[in-house]
Protein backbone atom coordinates (compact mmCIF):
# COMPACT_ATOMS: atom_id res chain seq x y z
CA MET A 1 -0.05 0.07 -0.20
CA LYS A 2 1.39 3.41 -0.93
CA TYR A 3 0.53 6.45 1.53
CA SER A 4 0.45 9.81 0.80
CA ILE A 5 3.00 10.97 3.29
CA ASP A 6 5.21 14.22 3.59
CA PRO A 7 7.63 14.16 1.07
CA ASP A 8 10.35 15.10 3.63
CA LEU A 9 9.43 11.95 5.02
CA LYS A 10 10.03 9.55 2.14
CA PRO A 11 13.55 8.58 3.68
CA LEU A 12 11.95 6.46 6.13
CA LEU A 13 10.01 4.42 3.66
CA PRO A 14 12.25 1.72 2.87
CA PHE A 15 12.28 0.97 6.92
CA LYS A 16 9.08 -1.28 6.79
CA PHE A 17 9.68 -4.66 8.71
CA LYS A 18 7.01 -7.21 10.17
CA LYS A 19 9.95 -8.38 13.39
CA HIS A 20 12.88 -7.29 14.27
CA SER A 21 15.08 -10.60 14.75
CA THR A 22 17.64 -10.91 17.31
CA LEU A 23 20.74 -9.86 15.38
CA THR A 24 19.30 -7.16 14.08
CA ARG A 25 17.99 -5.70 17.35
CA HIS A 26 21.55 -6.33 18.74
CA LEU A 27 23.11 -4.46 15.94
CA MET A 28 20.47 -1.74 16.43
CA ASN A 29 21.48 -1.18 19.72
CA ALA A 30 24.97 -1.37 19.34
CA PHE A 31 24.72 1.65 17.26
CA PHE A 32 22.36 3.56 18.67
CA LYS A 33 24.73 3.55 21.89
CA ALA A 34 27.50 4.03 20.43
CA SER A 35 26.14 7.19 18.57
CA PHE A 36 24.92 8.31 22.12
CA GLU A 37 27.61 7.96 24.14
CA PHE A 38 30.35 9.69 21.55
CA THR A 39 28.20 12.46 20.58
CA LYS A 40 28.75 15.06 23.18
CA PRO A 41 26.75 18.38 23.55
CA LYS A 42 28.19 21.34 22.58
CA SER A 43 29.09 24.18 25.35
CA PRO A 44 27.68 25.57 26.65
CA PHE A 45 25.61 22.41 27.85
CA ASN A 46 26.94 19.75 29.98
CA ARG A 47 26.16 15.76 30.49
CA LYS A 48 27.22 14.53 33.85
CA ARG A 49 26.65 10.57 33.90
CA LEU A 50 24.55 8.97 36.96
CA THR A 51 24.09 6.04 38.35
CA ILE A 52 20.61 5.31 40.58
CA GLN A 53 19.61 2.15 42.13
CA SER A 54 16.94 0.81 40.97
CA ARG A 55 13.90 -0.93 43.07
CA ASP A 56 15.58 -4.30 42.62
CA CYS A 57 19.17 -2.89 43.68
CA GLU A 58 20.63 -3.39 40.11
CA LYS A 59 22.27 0.20 38.65
CA ILE A 60 20.38 2.80 36.13
CA THR A 61 22.20 5.20 34.40
CA CYS A 62 20.71 8.69 33.96
CA TYR A 63 22.26 11.72 32.34
CA HIS A 64 22.18 15.56 33.29
CA TYR A 65 21.61 17.69 31.05
CA TYR A 66 22.38 21.58 31.87
CA LYS A 67 24.05 24.86 31.89
CA ASP A 68 26.61 25.74 34.68
CA ASP A 69 23.59 27.74 36.45
CA PHE A 70 21.05 25.00 36.11
CA GLU A 71 20.07 25.55 39.78
CA HIS A 72 16.35 26.65 40.08
CA LYS A 73 15.68 25.87 36.58
CA ASN A 74 12.62 23.75 35.69
CA MET A 75 13.26 20.31 35.48
CA LEU A 76 12.70 17.39 32.22
CA ILE A 77 12.72 14.28 32.62
CA TYR A 78 12.88 12.58 29.36
CA LEU A 79 12.34 9.14 28.11
CA HIS A 80 13.32 7.74 25.20
CA GLY A 81 11.06 5.18 22.31
CA GLY A 82 11.97 2.24 21.20
CA GLY A 83 9.50 -0.62 21.83
CA PHE A 84 10.62 -1.30 25.19
CA GLN A 85 13.69 -2.94 23.32
CA THR A 86 16.20 -0.37 22.16
CA GLU A 87 18.40 2.00 23.13
CA GLY A 88 17.45 5.74 22.67
CA ALA A 89 20.14 7.08 19.58
CA SER A 90 22.01 10.43 18.98
CA PHE A 91 19.08 12.17 17.64
CA HIS A 92 17.16 12.09 21.13
CA GLN A 93 20.29 13.87 22.62
CA LYS A 94 19.77 16.54 19.73
CA MET A 95 16.05 16.94 20.62
CA ILE A 96 16.40 17.21 24.33
CA LEU A 97 19.39 19.42 24.57
CA LYS A 98 16.79 21.43 21.61
CA PHE A 99 14.38 21.52 24.77
CA ALA A 100 17.17 22.66 27.17
CA GLU A 101 18.23 25.41 25.24
CA HIS A 102 15.02 26.83 23.73
CA ALA A 103 12.93 26.06 27.20
CA ASP A 104 15.56 27.28 29.23
CA LEU A 105 15.18 24.14 31.26
CA GLN A 106 17.73 21.00 32.96
CA ILE A 107 16.93 17.66 32.16
CA LEU A 108 17.05 14.03 33.31
CA TYR A 109 17.56 11.01 30.43
CA VAL A 110 16.84 7.70 31.51
CA LYS A 111 18.73 4.79 29.90
CA TYR A 112 15.89 2.31 31.76
CA ARG A 113 16.18 -1.54 30.98
CA LEU A 114 15.32 -2.95 28.22
CA LEU A 115 13.39 -6.17 26.44
CA PRO A 116 13.86 -9.12 26.44
CA LYS A 117 16.03 -9.69 29.28
CA TYR A 118 13.88 -6.73 31.26
CA ARG A 119 9.78 -7.16 31.09
CA TYR A 120 7.64 -5.04 32.12
CA PRO A 121 7.32 -3.85 35.98
CA LYS A 122 11.02 -3.32 35.28
CA ALA A 123 11.62 -0.49 32.62
CA PHE A 124 8.69 1.74 34.47
CA GLU A 125 10.19 1.03 38.00
CA ASP A 126 13.70 2.40 37.20
CA VAL A 127 11.97 5.60 35.79
CA VAL A 128 10.11 5.60 39.30
CA ALA A 129 13.31 5.42 40.56
CA ALA A 130 14.72 8.52 38.95
CA TYR A 131 11.76 10.14 39.84
CA GLN A 132 12.47 9.35 43.42
CA TYR A 133 15.85 10.22 43.38
CA LEU A 134 15.38 13.70 41.90
CA LYS A 135 13.20 13.99 45.24
CA MET A 136 15.78 13.07 47.22
CA GLN A 137 18.70 14.42 46.51
CA THR A 138 16.96 17.83 47.28
CA LYS A 139 20.95 19.60 47.51
CA THR A 140 21.73 18.88 44.16
CA PHE A 141 18.94 18.99 42.11
CA GLN A 142 16.60 22.35 42.78
CA PHE A 143 13.73 23.43 40.20
CA PRO A 144 10.60 25.32 40.47
CA SER A 145 8.60 22.59 38.46
CA LEU A 146 8.92 18.68 36.95
CA PHE A 147 8.03 17.83 33.88
CA VAL A 148 8.14 14.45 32.16
CA GLY A 149 8.22 13.65 28.62
CA GLY A 150 8.91 10.60 25.65
CA ASP A 151 8.05 9.14 22.57
CA SER A 152 6.51 6.53 21.05
CA ALA A 153 7.60 3.59 24.41
CA GLY A 154 8.82 6.61 26.09
CA GLY A 155 5.42 8.39 26.16
CA ASN A 156 3.91 5.38 27.60
CA LEU A 157 6.71 5.36 30.27
CA ALA A 158 6.13 9.04 30.82
CA PHE A 159 2.17 9.12 30.92
CA ALA A 160 2.55 5.99 33.45
CA LEU A 161 4.89 8.66 35.65
CA ALA A 162 2.11 11.07 35.50
CA LEU A 163 -0.27 8.56 36.49
CA TYR A 164 2.19 7.13 39.43
CA ASP A 165 2.72 10.64 40.62
CA ARG A 166 -1.00 11.25 40.90
CA ASP A 167 -1.54 8.14 42.43
CA GLN A 168 0.98 8.84 45.19
CA GLY A 169 -0.85 12.14 45.89
CA ASN A 170 2.42 13.91 44.91
CA HIS A 171 1.37 16.04 41.81
CA LEU A 172 4.57 16.85 41.24
CA ILE A 173 4.75 16.47 37.74
CA LYS A 174 3.30 19.91 36.27
CA LYS A 175 3.17 19.12 32.60
CA THR A 176 2.99 15.77 30.75
CA MET A 177 4.76 16.03 26.84
CA LEU A 178 3.80 12.62 24.62
CA ILE A 179 4.65 12.55 21.40
CA TYR A 180 2.88 9.61 19.02
CA PRO A 181 2.49 7.62 22.07
CA VAL A 182 2.35 3.88 23.01
CA LEU A 183 -0.99 3.89 25.64
CA THR A 184 -2.68 0.31 25.45
CA ARG A 185 -2.07 -2.96 24.94
CA HIS A 186 -6.02 -3.84 23.50
CA THR A 187 -5.93 -3.36 18.99
CA HIS A 188 -9.63 -2.35 18.58
CA PHE A 189 -8.77 0.88 16.85
CA SER A 190 -9.11 1.42 13.48
CA SER A 191 -5.65 2.46 13.33
CA ASN A 192 -4.70 -0.41 14.34
CA ASP A 193 -6.15 -2.31 11.16
CA MET A 194 -5.18 -0.42 8.78
CA TYR A 195 -1.49 0.05 9.49
CA GLN A 196 -0.34 -3.16 9.28
CA LEU A 197 2.35 -3.20 7.19
CA THR A 198 3.44 1.01 7.59
CA PRO A 199 7.48 2.39 7.72
CA MET A 200 8.68 2.62 11.25
CA TRP A 201 6.28 0.71 13.14
CA ASN A 202 3.01 -1.49 12.72
CA GLN A 203 0.35 -3.61 13.77
CA HIS A 204 3.38 -6.53 13.37
CA LEU A 205 6.00 -4.77 15.68
CA ASN A 206 3.00 -3.75 17.89
CA GLN A 207 1.76 -6.71 18.81
CA ALA A 208 4.86 -8.32 19.11
CA MET A 209 6.34 -5.50 21.75
CA TRP A 210 3.02 -6.01 23.97
CA LYS A 211 3.38 -9.67 24.17
CA ALA A 212 7.05 -9.37 25.41
CA TYR A 213 6.70 -6.33 27.01
CA LEU A 214 3.66 -7.95 29.42
CA LYS A 215 5.39 -11.79 29.48
CA HIS A 216 4.40 -13.36 32.73
CA SER A 217 2.65 -10.05 34.47
CA SER A 218 -0.99 -10.59 35.23
CA GLU A 219 -1.16 -6.87 36.06
CA ASP A 220 -0.94 -3.83 33.59
CA THR A 221 -1.67 -1.13 35.86
CA TYR A 222 1.20 1.00 34.65
CA ALA A 223 1.68 -0.24 31.21
CA SER A 224 -1.94 -0.39 29.41
CA LEU A 225 -3.01 3.57 30.57
CA LEU A 226 -5.87 4.47 28.77
CA GLU A 227 -7.89 2.06 30.50
CA ARG A 228 -6.59 4.40 33.55
CA ASP A 229 -9.16 7.06 35.20
CA MET A 230 -7.80 10.70 34.56
CA THR A 231 -8.82 12.94 36.71
CA GLU A 232 -6.75 15.31 38.51
CA LEU A 233 -3.96 15.11 35.68
CA ASN A 234 -1.83 18.27 35.40
CA THR A 235 -1.80 19.39 31.31
CA VAL A 236 -0.89 17.03 28.75
CA TYR A 237 0.73 17.70 25.41
CA ILE A 238 -0.12 14.79 22.70
CA GLU A 239 1.10 14.34 19.05
CA THR A 240 -0.44 11.89 16.97
CA ALA A 241 0.99 10.67 13.39
CA GLU A 242 -1.40 10.23 10.58
CA PHE A 243 0.20 6.56 8.75
CA ASP A 244 1.03 5.29 12.59
CA PRO A 245 -1.48 2.02 14.51
CA LEU A 246 -0.84 4.12 17.40
CA ARG A 247 -2.80 7.13 16.10
CA ASP A 248 -6.50 6.44 17.09
CA GLU A 249 -5.18 6.13 21.10
CA GLY A 250 -3.48 9.15 21.17
CA ILE A 251 -7.24 10.46 19.81
CA ALA A 252 -8.83 8.63 22.26
CA LEU A 253 -6.65 10.04 25.17
CA GLU A 254 -7.43 13.62 24.57
CA LYS A 255 -10.89 12.86 24.25
CA LYS A 256 -10.93 10.99 27.86
CA LEU A 257 -8.48 13.65 29.26
CA ARG A 258 -11.20 16.47 27.81
CA GLN A 259 -14.12 14.29 29.45
CA ALA A 260 -12.24 14.94 32.65
CA LYS A 261 -11.80 18.79 32.29
CA ILE A 262 -7.96 18.17 32.15
CA LYS A 263 -6.04 20.52 30.04
CA VAL A 264 -5.24 19.40 26.60
CA ILE A 265 -2.89 20.56 23.90
CA ALA A 266 -3.34 18.35 20.91
CA HIS A 267 -1.44 18.17 17.38
CA HIS A 268 -2.58 15.39 14.91
CA THR A 269 -0.54 15.66 12.16
CA LYS A 270 -1.00 14.49 8.60
CA LYS A 271 1.19 13.14 5.94
CA THR A 272 3.27 11.80 8.61
CA LEU A 273 4.77 8.50 9.70
CA HIS A 274 5.77 7.43 13.22
CA GLY A 275 9.20 8.41 14.27
CA TYR A 276 9.22 11.14 12.03
CA ASP A 277 12.08 12.86 14.89
CA VAL A 278 14.68 10.52 13.47
CA LEU A 279 14.86 13.73 11.02
CA PRO A 280 15.24 16.58 12.33
CA HIS A 281 15.70 18.58 9.27
CA ALA A 282 11.88 17.91 8.12
CA ASN A 283 9.70 20.53 8.07
CA ILE A 284 6.87 18.92 9.98
CA THR A 285 9.67 18.29 12.88
CA LYS A 286 10.90 21.73 13.00
CA MET A 287 7.12 22.79 13.26
CA LEU A 288 6.91 20.41 15.82
CA MET A 289 9.32 20.83 18.06
CA GLN A 290 8.64 24.65 18.14
CA GLN A 291 5.08 23.38 19.53
CA ARG A 292 6.99 21.39 22.24
CA ILE A 293 9.28 23.96 22.79
CA HIS A 294 6.00 26.40 23.72
CA PHE A 295 4.90 23.65 25.68
CA LEU A 296 7.42 23.39 27.72
CA LYS A 297 8.10 27.09 28.09
CA GLY A 298 4.62 27.83 28.84
CA GLU A 299 3.52 29.35 25.86
CA SER A 300 1.33 27.36 24.82
């Protein structure tokens, strides 16, 4: 099937897979990890490696991005996408550095544990551990407001953390930014049926991800999120892509949030594919980066 996509996104068309082999995943992760680790932020930004302890006492790596005068700047916890199974890449770092520069933020980037070795709730527990770390290290981290954001599977973890923050009665997270997020294990949405083999992300990859992520788990409280109560959340930003099996999940989330009287800023993009941030120079990506920055700055 041909898709009427934005001409800027045509380089993504060859990336059409029903599944990723173990070898493919290992190679992708090796490349993404190297590209991330060896791409250092340019002055005036710094990147400090932090090691925190997870609930099961394993070590989790995070990166703190900041300028020298980071004290009293708002903090964004950012969670990369990749189907819960691939590393964040250099484009994620470039993205969050733009947030740091143009929205005047400090950022905590969390390298949560991945499939297939670590299944739900390990990734979510790592994100909670990072959140708790920020709460405890008050001498090191001082920030007026705490935000959370993520793309794809990272969007799932970001919204899960916002719900956890609400459930604990903390209400520390003031803004939640979701970029083409994974939201529910259920597949009754028409976009899931329509986009069985779209480039970048599709029905086959989505079903395989959920099967692996929730394997051996009898509950999904902080995994399949669209079924949750949406009351008492702070402002939520949502982006969806037109040719994406996840599209209708994002649209449904907007509807549920509005019904719960939560402030929502939504951009349901046209002629787009899941993962358009891989192409930062595409006009649609640049336009949406401006929308995200406005949201994080409080200009929306």
